[in-house]
Amino acid sequence: MLQKTYPYYLANEPVAANTDLEVTDKFSGEVATRVAMADAAAIDKAIGLAVDAMPAMRAYPPFKRQAVLEHCVKRFRERYDELALALCIEAGKPINDSKGEVTRLIDTFKVAAEESVRIDGEIINLQISPRANGYHAYVKRVPIGPCSFISPFNFPLNLTAHKVAPAIAAGVPFVLKPASRTPVCALIMGEILAETDLPKGAFSILPAHRDGADLFTTDERFKLLSFTGSPAVGWELKRKAGKKKVILELGGNAAAIVDGDQGGKLDYVVERLAFGAFYQSGQSCIGVQRILAHASVYDALREKLIAKTKSLVMGDPKHEKTFVGPMISESEAKRLAGWMEGAVQAGAQIVAGGKVDGAMFEATLLEGVKRDTDLYRKEAFGPVAILERFNDFEAALAQVNDSDFGLQAGVFTDSLAHAHRAWDALEVGGVVINDVPSFRVDNMPYGGVKDSGLGREGVRYAIEDMTELRLMVMRETW
C-alpha cells in the first residue's frame, strides 16, 4: 500500500509542507494518500536554487552522473513491487502493465547511464579556403541550463524518466511538475535521487495545480521546457514560454494499416491490434485508434477482432487477469462516451463493447464512423478503436495522413515496397512495420509532427536538446 503522506522535494530535500493534494485509487475512487503541494513561493525558490546549482552541475563529472543513474537503477529494482503497486493505485493501470512500466523505467535509466559518459564533440576541418589556413575548430556539448519538466498522468514513471534521466546525464538541474492526479511515482523517484550526492539544487519535484504553476512555463531563468500532455495545453505553453527552447510530446490519432497479404497471419495481427488499442484503457498517445484493413482480409479480421475485444477482462487493476482497468477519471469516461454516442447518431455501429460505468469503459470497437466526427478526428485517449476497409494502399496512406496528428503509425505488410512507401509517405514521427504504432523502445527517437508536437524524446535525443554546441576556433600561429 501507499504511505499515508508524501513530501515534495525542494533542492534535493524532502519538504512536508502540507497534505493538500488528495491522490485517489482510480478503481475504488477512495483517497489512497495525500501529497504535499508546492505554492508559487516554493516553485520560485526551486528555480533560484536550480540556477545556483548550475556551476556545480557543470563541474559534476560524467562518471559521477553515471554513478547516480546506476544507483537509481539498483534502487528501482529493489523497490520494483512498490513502484508497480503505486502505479496501479494512482493511475488505475493494470498490474501487468504497471510492472512493464517499471521495467521500462529501469531501461531508460540504464540507457542514460551509458550515454552520460559518451557526450562527445567533434573536430571540424576549416581548410575550405586559403583564408582558413592555420585555423582549427572544435565543438563540444555543454549543459543548456536549468530545465522545466511537466509530465503526464498516463505514464507517471517512464515519461517522467524520459525527462529526468537525460537531465542527469546531461548535467542540467531541473524542476519537475508531475501530474497532480499521479504524483506518487515521481516522488518515490525523488526519494531515491535524494540518496545520491547530486549538488544541492540539482533537482526539485513539486506537485502543483496547473493554475498555480505558470512559473514552470514563463520564468526566463529556465532555458528549456519539456512538456508531455494534451495538444491544447502544450501549444498554449509554447506560446507563453518566451525565449526558452520548448519540447512538446503531445497527442495522437494513431492508425494501423493491415495490408491484403496478411491473411495467414491474422491471429498475430489481431493480438497486436487489441493490445495497441486497449492496453491501459487506451490512454496512450500512440494507442491504436484507427484500423484500416484491406478488403480482402477485412471480414476475417473483423470477426477475429470482435471476438478478441469481447474476451478482454475488465475490472480491478490489481488483479493479474485484468486487461482493462478504469480510465483516469469518470469525467474522461463521460467525455469519450459522448464522442461515441455522437458517432453512433451519425451512423456508426458499435460491434463490441460500448458499456460505461463510472470510470470503467469497456473495450469498444466501432465501424462506419464518419470521418467528420470527434471520435474520428480527435484523440480518443480511451479504449475505443475504429475499424474500416480499404481497397488501394495509396488511398490508405492518404487516409492515415488525413489527420491533424502525426505521432506514429503501424503497417502490417509483407511487401518491402509498401513498407518503404509508407515510410516515405506517412506524415508521422515513426512508422512501425509489422506491429502496432504503440511499439516503443526507450532509446529510439520518439515524437511527432503536426499537432503531435516538437522535438524528440529517447535518451540520446533528449540529451542533445538539453545541451548546446560550443565552438572553439584556434589559430595555429599568431
Protein backbone atom coordinates (compact mmCIF):
# COMPACT_ATOMS: atom_id res chain seq x y z
CA MET A 1 0.00 0.00 0.00
CA LEU A 2 0.98 3.64 -0.29
CA GLN A 3 2.36 5.73 2.55
CA LYS A 4 -0.17 7.94 4.36
CA THR A 5 1.58 11.08 3.10
CA TYR A 6 4.41 12.07 0.77
CA PRO A 7 6.58 15.22 0.87
CA TYR A 8 7.65 17.13 -2.18
CA TYR A 9 11.35 17.60 -2.97
CA LEU A 10 12.84 21.08 -2.97
CA ALA A 11 16.52 21.36 -3.89
CA ASN A 12 17.10 17.63 -3.20
CA GLU A 13 15.41 17.74 0.22
CA PRO A 14 12.01 16.35 1.30
CA VAL A 15 9.62 19.05 2.49
CA ALA A 16 6.40 18.04 4.25
CA ALA A 17 4.85 21.46 3.69
CA ASN A 18 1.25 20.26 3.80
CA THR A 19 -1.00 17.38 2.79
CA ASP A 20 -3.18 19.39 0.43
CA LEU A 21 -3.26 17.06 -2.58
CA GLU A 22 -5.52 14.03 -2.35
CA VAL A 23 -4.48 11.14 -4.59
CA THR A 24 -7.25 8.65 -5.23
CA ASP A 25 -7.26 4.95 -6.00
CA LYS A 26 -8.58 5.22 -9.54
CA PHE A 27 -10.53 1.95 -9.27
CA SER A 28 -12.21 2.44 -5.90
CA GLY A 29 -12.35 6.23 -6.01
CA GLU A 30 -11.18 6.37 -2.39
CA VAL A 31 -8.35 8.61 -1.19
CA ALA A 32 -5.20 6.47 -1.23
CA THR A 33 -2.69 9.01 0.07
CA ARG A 34 -2.05 12.72 0.49
CA VAL A 35 0.81 14.64 -1.05
CA ALA A 36 2.45 17.98 -0.32
CA MET A 37 1.59 20.73 -2.80
CA ALA A 38 4.00 23.48 -3.81
CA ASP A 39 2.89 27.09 -3.94
CA ALA A 40 4.34 29.83 -6.12
CA ALA A 41 6.92 30.76 -3.46
CA ALA A 42 8.26 27.18 -3.33
CA ILE A 43 8.42 26.98 -7.13
CA ASP A 44 10.26 30.31 -7.31
CA LYS A 45 12.73 29.15 -4.66
CA ALA A 46 13.34 25.89 -6.51
CA ILE A 47 14.11 27.76 -9.74
CA GLY A 48 16.55 30.07 -7.95
CA LEU A 49 18.34 27.12 -6.36
CA ALA A 50 18.50 25.36 -9.73
CA VAL A 51 20.21 28.44 -11.16
CA ASP A 52 22.63 28.43 -8.22
CA ALA A 53 23.35 24.74 -8.85
CA MET A 54 24.39 25.28 -12.45
CA PRO A 55 28.14 25.79 -11.84
CA ALA A 56 28.32 22.68 -9.64
CA MET A 57 26.37 20.64 -12.18
CA ARG A 58 28.68 21.75 -14.99
CA ALA A 59 31.62 20.63 -12.87
CA TYR A 60 29.96 17.35 -11.84
CA PRO A 61 31.91 14.85 -13.96
CA PRO A 62 30.32 12.29 -16.26
CA PHE A 63 31.45 9.32 -14.17
CA LYS A 64 29.58 10.78 -11.17
CA ARG A 65 26.47 11.35 -13.25
CA GLN A 66 26.72 7.75 -14.36
CA ALA A 67 27.05 6.59 -10.75
CA VAL A 68 23.86 8.48 -9.81
CA LEU A 69 21.95 6.86 -12.66
CA GLU A 70 23.30 3.41 -11.79
CA HIS A 71 22.26 3.94 -8.15
CA CYS A 72 18.75 4.70 -9.38
CA VAL A 73 18.68 1.53 -11.46
CA LYS A 74 19.70 -0.51 -8.41
CA ARG A 75 17.11 1.10 -6.15
CA PHE A 76 14.33 0.85 -8.75
CA ARG A 77 15.00 -2.89 -8.93
CA GLU A 78 14.90 -3.16 -5.15
CA ARG A 79 11.61 -1.25 -5.00
CA TYR A 80 10.11 -2.83 -8.12
CA ASP A 81 6.95 -4.19 -6.48
CA GLU A 82 6.36 -0.98 -4.52
CA LEU A 83 6.62 1.12 -7.67
CA ALA A 84 4.33 -1.19 -9.63
CA LEU A 85 1.66 -1.13 -6.93
CA ALA A 86 1.89 2.66 -6.58
CA LEU A 87 1.40 2.98 -10.33
CA CYS A 88 -1.52 0.55 -10.26
CA ILE A 89 -3.25 2.52 -7.50
CA GLU A 90 -2.67 6.11 -8.55
CA ALA A 91 -3.07 5.61 -12.32
CA GLY A 92 -5.51 2.68 -12.37
CA LYS A 93 -3.06 0.86 -14.64
CA PRO A 94 -3.47 -2.95 -14.65
CA ILE A 95 -0.77 -4.55 -12.56
CA ASN A 96 0.87 -6.33 -15.50
CA ASP A 97 1.12 -3.05 -17.41
CA SER A 98 2.42 -1.40 -14.22
CA LYS A 99 5.19 -3.96 -13.92
CA GLY A 100 6.04 -3.40 -17.57
CA GLU A 101 6.35 0.32 -16.96
CA VAL A 102 8.71 -0.20 -14.03
CA THR A 103 10.84 -2.36 -16.33
CA ARG A 104 10.90 0.46 -18.88
CA LEU A 105 11.82 2.94 -16.14
CA ILE A 106 14.85 0.79 -15.38
CA ASP A 107 15.72 0.50 -19.07
CA THR A 108 15.56 4.28 -19.52
CA PHE A 109 17.91 4.97 -16.61
CA LYS A 110 20.28 2.22 -17.81
CA VAL A 111 20.48 3.81 -21.26
CA ALA A 112 21.04 7.23 -19.66
CA ALA A 113 23.87 5.84 -17.54
CA GLU A 114 25.55 4.57 -20.70
CA GLU A 115 25.01 7.82 -22.59
CA SER A 116 26.26 10.02 -19.74
CA VAL A 117 29.89 9.13 -20.43
CA ARG A 118 29.76 9.49 -24.21
CA ILE A 119 28.50 13.02 -24.77
CA ASP A 120 31.20 13.73 -27.30
CA GLY A 121 32.16 16.64 -29.55
CA GLU A 122 33.94 16.81 -32.88
CA ILE A 123 36.81 18.35 -34.79
CA ILE A 124 35.79 20.49 -37.76
CA ASN A 125 38.09 20.85 -40.74
CA LEU A 126 38.22 24.56 -41.60
CA GLN A 127 40.57 24.14 -44.54
CA ILE A 128 37.92 25.01 -47.10
CA SER A 129 39.78 28.03 -48.48
CA PRO A 130 43.23 29.66 -48.18
CA ARG A 131 41.98 32.25 -45.67
CA ALA A 132 41.36 29.49 -43.10
CA ASN A 133 44.86 28.03 -43.38
CA GLY A 134 46.33 27.51 -39.90
CA TYR A 135 42.96 27.50 -38.12
CA HIS A 136 41.38 24.54 -36.35
CA ALA A 137 37.89 24.20 -34.87
CA TYR A 138 36.48 22.06 -32.09
CA VAL A 139 32.92 21.61 -30.86
CA LYS A 140 31.74 20.28 -27.52
CA ARG A 141 28.32 19.95 -25.87
CA VAL A 142 27.64 21.90 -22.69
CA PRO A 143 24.56 21.82 -20.41
CA ILE A 144 21.89 24.23 -21.59
CA GLY A 145 20.94 25.45 -18.11
CA PRO A 146 18.06 24.88 -15.68
CA CYS A 147 15.18 22.93 -17.23
CA SER A 148 11.45 22.82 -16.53
CA PHE A 149 9.66 19.50 -16.87
CA ILE A 150 5.91 18.83 -16.88
CA SER A 151 4.94 15.15 -17.03
CA PRO A 152 1.57 13.47 -17.74
CA PHE A 153 -0.69 11.09 -15.82
CA ASN A 154 -0.71 8.13 -18.20
CA PHE A 155 2.94 7.01 -17.79
CA PRO A 156 3.89 8.60 -14.45
CA LEU A 157 7.12 6.62 -14.22
CA ASN A 158 8.51 6.18 -17.68
CA LEU A 159 7.55 9.50 -19.25
CA THR A 160 8.97 11.21 -16.17
CA ALA A 161 12.11 9.09 -16.57
CA HIS A 162 12.45 10.33 -20.15
CA LYS A 163 12.96 13.82 -18.77
CA VAL A 164 14.82 13.15 -15.52
CA ALA A 165 17.36 10.55 -16.66
CA PRO A 166 18.66 12.56 -19.67
CA ALA A 167 18.84 15.68 -17.48
CA ILE A 168 21.14 13.93 -15.01
CA ALA A 169 23.21 12.51 -17.86
CA ALA A 170 23.50 15.96 -19.47
CA GLY A 171 24.35 17.72 -16.21
CA VAL A 172 21.40 20.09 -16.07
CA PRO A 173 19.43 20.97 -12.92
CA PHE A 174 15.68 20.62 -13.25
CA VAL A 175 12.37 21.40 -11.61
CA LEU A 176 9.66 18.83 -12.32
CA LYS A 177 5.90 19.18 -12.04
CA PRO A 178 4.34 15.70 -12.04
CA ALA A 179 0.69 15.30 -12.97
CA SER A 180 -1.45 16.14 -9.94
CA ARG A 181 -3.55 13.00 -10.48
CA THR A 182 -0.47 10.75 -10.37
CA PRO A 183 2.39 12.36 -8.40
CA VAL A 184 3.43 9.46 -6.16
CA CYS A 185 5.77 7.62 -8.52
CA ALA A 186 7.69 10.82 -9.27
CA LEU A 187 8.06 11.48 -5.54
CA ILE A 188 9.42 7.98 -4.97
CA MET A 189 11.91 8.77 -7.74
CA GLY A 190 12.80 11.94 -5.82
CA GLU A 191 13.33 9.94 -2.65
CA ILE A 192 15.84 7.74 -4.49
CA LEU A 193 17.61 10.72 -6.10
CA ALA A 194 17.90 12.30 -2.64
CA GLU A 195 20.07 9.34 -1.61
CA THR A 196 22.79 10.47 -4.05
CA ASP A 197 25.41 13.23 -3.86
CA LEU A 198 23.93 15.36 -6.63
CA PRO A 199 24.77 19.03 -5.99
CA LYS A 200 22.21 20.91 -3.92
CA GLY A 201 19.54 22.34 -6.18
CA ALA A 202 20.12 19.73 -8.89
CA PHE A 203 16.50 18.64 -8.71
CA SER A 204 13.14 19.65 -7.31
CA ILE A 205 9.93 17.65 -7.71
CA LEU A 206 6.92 19.83 -6.96
CA PRO A 207 3.31 18.75 -7.40
CA ALA A 208 1.25 21.86 -8.12
CA HIS A 209 -2.12 22.70 -9.59
CA ARG A 210 -1.96 23.76 -13.23
CA ASP A 211 -3.41 27.20 -12.50
CA GLY A 212 -0.69 27.88 -9.92
CA ALA A 213 2.25 26.64 -11.91
CA ASP A 214 2.80 29.36 -14.52
CA LEU A 215 6.43 29.74 -13.45
CA PHE A 216 7.21 26.34 -14.95
CA THR A 217 6.42 27.91 -18.32
CA THR A 218 7.03 31.63 -18.11
CA ASP A 219 10.10 32.00 -15.89
CA GLU A 220 13.02 33.16 -18.03
CA ARG A 221 15.56 31.50 -15.74
CA PHE A 222 14.57 28.20 -17.34
CA LYS A 223 16.41 27.53 -20.59
CA LEU A 224 14.23 24.63 -21.71
CA LEU A 225 10.65 23.48 -21.16
CA SER A 226 9.79 19.83 -21.83
CA PHE A 227 6.06 19.13 -21.71
CA THR A 228 4.14 15.91 -22.29
CA GLY A 229 0.37 16.17 -22.39
CA SER A 230 -2.56 17.37 -24.45
CA PRO A 231 -2.12 19.43 -27.64
CA ALA A 232 -4.36 22.26 -26.42
CA VAL A 233 -2.26 22.75 -23.30
CA GLY A 234 1.08 22.13 -24.99
CA TRP A 235 0.72 24.69 -27.76
CA GLU A 236 -0.55 27.28 -25.28
CA LEU A 237 2.51 26.67 -23.08
CA LYS A 238 4.76 27.12 -26.10
CA ARG A 239 3.08 30.45 -26.82
CA LYS A 240 3.77 31.60 -23.26
CA ALA A 241 7.27 30.15 -22.92
CA GLY A 242 9.20 33.11 -24.27
CA LYS A 243 12.77 32.60 -25.50
CA LYS A 244 13.40 29.18 -23.97
CA LYS A 245 13.65 26.04 -26.06
CA VAL A 246 10.41 24.04 -25.98
CA ILE A 247 9.99 20.28 -26.46
CA LEU A 248 6.42 19.05 -26.84
CA GLU A 249 5.28 15.42 -26.84
CA LEU A 250 1.56 15.73 -27.41
CA GLY A 251 -1.39 13.70 -28.60
CA GLY A 252 -2.03 11.26 -31.39
CA ASN A 253 -4.72 9.68 -33.50
CA ALA A 254 -2.71 6.63 -34.43
CA ALA A 255 -3.65 4.38 -37.33
CA ALA A 256 -2.67 0.83 -38.22
CA ILE A 257 -2.89 -0.44 -41.80
CA VAL A 258 -3.43 -4.16 -42.39
CA ASP A 259 -2.35 -4.94 -45.95
CA GLY A 260 -4.02 -7.61 -48.11
CA ASP A 261 -1.13 -10.07 -47.78
CA GLN A 262 -1.75 -10.76 -44.07
CA GLY A 263 -4.42 -13.46 -44.41
CA GLY A 264 -2.28 -16.20 -42.91
CA LYS A 265 -1.11 -14.01 -40.02
CA LEU A 266 -4.38 -12.55 -38.80
CA ASP A 267 -4.18 -14.14 -35.37
CA TYR A 268 -0.91 -12.31 -34.70
CA VAL A 269 -2.27 -9.10 -36.20
CA VAL A 270 -5.41 -9.26 -34.06
CA GLU A 271 -3.42 -9.88 -30.87
CA ARG A 272 -1.28 -6.84 -31.57
CA LEU A 273 -4.20 -4.61 -32.60
CA ALA A 274 -6.14 -5.49 -29.44
CA PHE A 275 -3.09 -4.74 -27.33
CA GLY A 276 -2.38 -1.48 -29.11
CA ALA A 277 -5.97 -0.27 -28.91
CA PHE A 278 -6.92 -1.31 -25.38
CA TYR A 279 -3.84 -1.66 -23.16
CA GLN A 280 -4.02 0.63 -20.12
CA SER A 281 -7.56 1.53 -21.15
CA GLY A 282 -6.39 3.12 -24.39
CA GLN A 283 -4.77 6.01 -22.52
CA SER A 284 -1.66 6.21 -24.67
CA CYS A 285 -0.68 8.82 -27.24
CA ILE A 286 0.22 6.00 -29.64
CA GLY A 287 -2.74 3.78 -28.85
CA VAL A 288 -4.38 2.31 -31.95
CA GLN A 289 -7.45 4.45 -32.72
CA ARG A 290 -7.98 3.77 -36.43
CA ILE A 291 -7.64 0.32 -38.06
CA LEU A 292 -7.60 0.26 -41.86
CA ALA A 293 -7.89 -3.29 -43.23
CA HIS A 294 -7.66 -4.31 -46.89
CA ALA A 295 -10.97 -5.53 -48.31
CA SER A 296 -9.50 -9.00 -48.94
CA VAL A 297 -8.91 -9.56 -45.21
CA TYR A 298 -11.47 -7.21 -43.71
CA ASP A 299 -14.26 -9.66 -42.90
CA ALA A 300 -11.97 -12.27 -41.33
CA LEU A 301 -10.09 -9.61 -39.36
CA ARG A 302 -13.35 -8.06 -38.19
CA GLU A 303 -14.67 -11.37 -36.87
CA LYS A 304 -11.47 -12.21 -35.01
CA LEU A 305 -11.02 -8.71 -33.62
CA ILE A 306 -14.58 -8.56 -32.31
CA ALA A 307 -14.10 -11.87 -30.53
CA LYS A 308 -10.78 -10.76 -29.06
CA THR A 309 -12.20 -7.42 -27.90
CA LYS A 310 -15.11 -9.13 -26.15
CA SER A 311 -12.73 -11.54 -24.40
CA LEU A 312 -10.67 -8.85 -22.67
CA VAL A 313 -11.13 -8.88 -18.88
CA MET A 314 -12.21 -5.56 -17.35
CA GLY A 315 -12.04 -4.93 -13.61
CA ASP A 316 -9.80 -4.24 -10.63
CA PRO A 317 -6.34 -3.34 -11.98
CA LYS A 318 -4.70 -5.09 -9.02
CA HIS A 319 -5.86 -8.47 -10.36
CA GLU A 320 -3.40 -10.27 -12.63
CA LYS A 321 -6.08 -11.24 -15.18
CA THR A 322 -7.36 -7.69 -15.64
CA PHE A 323 -6.51 -6.18 -19.01
CA VAL A 324 -8.79 -3.11 -18.98
CA GLY A 325 -8.87 -1.03 -15.81
CA PRO A 326 -10.51 2.33 -15.12
CA MET A 327 -9.88 5.45 -17.12
CA ILE A 328 -8.14 8.18 -15.16
CA SER A 329 -11.46 9.77 -14.12
CA GLU A 330 -15.20 9.48 -14.55
CA SER A 331 -15.21 12.82 -16.37
CA GLU A 332 -12.83 11.46 -19.01
CA ALA A 333 -15.03 8.40 -19.46
CA LYS A 334 -18.08 10.64 -19.90
CA ARG A 335 -16.24 12.77 -22.45
CA LEU A 336 -15.36 9.71 -24.54
CA ALA A 337 -18.85 8.24 -24.16
CA GLY A 338 -20.24 11.49 -25.57
CA TRP A 339 -17.98 11.20 -28.60
CA MET A 340 -19.04 7.59 -29.08
CA GLU A 341 -22.74 8.48 -28.86
CA GLY A 342 -22.19 11.28 -31.37
CA ALA A 343 -20.58 8.84 -33.80
CA VAL A 344 -23.47 6.38 -33.42
CA GLN A 345 -26.02 9.13 -34.03
CA ALA A 346 -24.11 9.94 -37.23
CA GLY A 347 -24.44 6.34 -38.44
CA ALA A 348 -21.67 4.32 -36.77
CA GLN A 349 -22.26 0.88 -35.29
CA ILE A 350 -20.80 -0.49 -32.06
CA VAL A 351 -19.72 -4.06 -32.86
CA ALA A 352 -18.08 -4.84 -29.49
CA GLY A 353 -18.24 -3.25 -26.04
CA GLY A 354 -19.75 0.19 -25.57
CA LYS A 355 -20.78 -0.01 -21.92
CA VAL A 356 -19.65 2.69 -19.49
CA ASP A 357 -19.94 2.61 -15.69
CA GLY A 358 -18.28 5.48 -13.87
CA ALA A 359 -14.62 5.48 -14.90
CA MET A 360 -14.91 1.92 -16.27
CA PHE A 361 -15.19 1.92 -20.06
CA GLU A 362 -15.45 -1.39 -21.92
CA ALA A 363 -13.02 -2.15 -24.72
CA THR A 364 -15.06 -0.91 -27.67
CA LEU A 365 -14.87 -1.44 -31.41
CA LEU A 366 -16.90 0.53 -33.95
CA GLU A 367 -17.28 0.58 -37.72
CA GLY A 368 -18.92 3.01 -40.07
CA VAL A 369 -17.62 6.01 -38.15
CA LYS A 370 -17.94 9.19 -40.20
CA ARG A 371 -14.67 10.99 -40.75
CA ASP A 372 -16.00 14.35 -39.58
CA THR A 373 -16.97 13.14 -36.06
CA ASP A 374 -15.00 13.90 -32.90
CA LEU A 375 -14.35 10.19 -32.39
CA TYR A 376 -12.58 10.01 -35.74
CA ARG A 377 -10.85 13.40 -35.86
CA LYS A 378 -9.70 13.89 -32.27
CA GLU A 379 -7.57 11.87 -29.89
CA ALA A 380 -9.88 9.37 -28.16
CA PHE A 381 -7.42 8.60 -25.34
CA GLY A 382 -9.56 5.73 -24.16
CA PRO A 383 -10.40 2.10 -25.03
CA VAL A 384 -12.13 2.77 -28.35
CA ALA A 385 -10.97 1.77 -31.83
CA ILE A 386 -12.48 2.33 -35.29
CA LEU A 387 -12.44 -0.35 -37.97
CA GLU A 388 -12.69 0.50 -41.70
CA ARG A 389 -11.81 -1.13 -45.01
CA PHE A 390 -9.73 0.00 -47.99
CA ASN A 391 -9.00 -1.30 -51.49
CA ASP A 392 -5.96 0.72 -52.53
CA PHE A 393 -2.77 1.03 -50.48
CA GLU A 394 -2.05 4.58 -51.65
CA ALA A 395 -5.55 5.63 -50.64
CA ALA A 396 -5.00 4.07 -47.22
CA LEU A 397 -1.81 6.10 -46.76
CA ALA A 398 -3.67 9.27 -47.69
CA GLN A 399 -6.41 8.36 -45.23
CA VAL A 400 -3.88 7.94 -42.41
CA ASN A 401 -2.45 11.36 -43.28
CA ASP A 402 -5.91 12.93 -43.16
CA SER A 403 -5.39 13.87 -39.52
CA ASP A 404 -4.21 16.82 -37.50
CA PHE A 405 -1.88 14.43 -35.68
CA GLY A 406 1.26 12.60 -36.70
CA LEU A 407 2.93 10.66 -33.91
CA GLN A 408 3.38 7.06 -35.09
CA ALA A 409 1.67 4.66 -37.48
CA GLY A 410 1.73 0.90 -37.90
CA VAL A 411 1.72 -1.06 -41.16
CA PHE A 412 1.29 -4.83 -41.37
CA THR A 413 2.65 -5.90 -44.75
CA ASP A 414 4.94 -8.46 -46.38
CA SER A 415 5.70 -6.05 -49.21
CA LEU A 416 9.06 -4.34 -48.89
CA ALA A 417 7.87 -1.81 -51.46
CA HIS A 418 4.81 -0.98 -49.36
CA ALA A 419 6.93 -0.72 -46.20
CA HIS A 420 9.28 1.79 -47.83
CA ARG A 421 6.39 3.64 -49.45
CA ALA A 422 4.73 4.02 -46.04
CA TRP A 423 8.00 5.27 -44.54
CA ASP A 424 8.23 7.84 -47.34
CA ALA A 425 4.60 8.95 -47.43
CA LEU A 426 3.21 8.84 -43.89
CA GLU A 427 3.35 12.20 -42.12
CA VAL A 428 4.34 10.86 -38.72
CA GLY A 429 7.37 10.77 -36.44
CA GLY A 430 7.72 7.00 -36.72
CA VAL A 431 6.47 4.14 -38.90
CA VAL A 432 6.35 0.67 -37.33
CA ILE A 433 6.30 -2.19 -39.81
CA ASN A 434 4.51 -5.41 -38.83
CA ASP A 435 3.49 -4.14 -35.42
CA VAL A 436 1.22 -1.53 -33.90
CA PRO A 437 2.14 2.17 -33.59
CA SER A 438 2.07 1.63 -29.82
CA PHE A 439 5.50 -0.04 -30.01
CA ARG A 440 8.28 1.97 -28.37
CA VAL A 441 11.78 1.14 -27.16
CA ASP A 442 13.26 3.73 -24.87
CA ASN A 443 16.44 4.52 -26.81
CA MET A 444 14.74 5.28 -30.10
CA PRO A 445 13.82 8.80 -31.25
CA TYR A 446 10.20 9.32 -30.30
CA GLY A 447 8.00 12.27 -31.14
CA GLY A 448 5.64 13.61 -33.73
CA VAL A 449 4.77 16.20 -36.34
CA LYS A 450 1.76 18.44 -36.89
CA ASP A 451 -0.30 18.73 -33.68
CA SER A 452 1.59 15.82 -32.13
CA GLY A 453 4.46 18.02 -31.03
CA LEU A 454 8.01 19.29 -31.50
CA GLY A 455 11.32 17.57 -30.92
CA ARG A 456 12.16 14.01 -29.99
CA GLU A 457 12.47 12.02 -26.78
CA GLY A 458 14.64 8.94 -26.40
CA VAL A 459 17.62 9.39 -24.11
CA ARG A 460 20.34 10.41 -26.58
CA TYR A 461 17.98 12.74 -28.43
CA ALA A 462 16.79 14.37 -25.22
CA ILE A 463 20.41 14.90 -24.14
CA GLU A 464 21.02 16.74 -27.41
CA ASP A 465 18.15 19.10 -26.58
CA MET A 466 19.40 19.60 -23.01
CA THR A 467 22.87 20.55 -24.21
CA GLU A 468 24.07 23.11 -26.73
CA LEU A 469 27.04 23.25 -29.03
CA ARG A 470 30.00 25.43 -28.08
CA LEU A 471 32.63 26.14 -30.71
CA MET A 472 36.31 26.89 -30.18
CA VAL A 473 38.44 28.14 -33.12
CA MET A 474 42.20 28.02 -32.64
CA ARG A 475 44.78 29.78 -34.80
CA GLU A 476 47.92 27.70 -35.01
CA THR A 477 50.37 30.59 -35.16
CA TRP A 478 49.95 34.27 -34.30
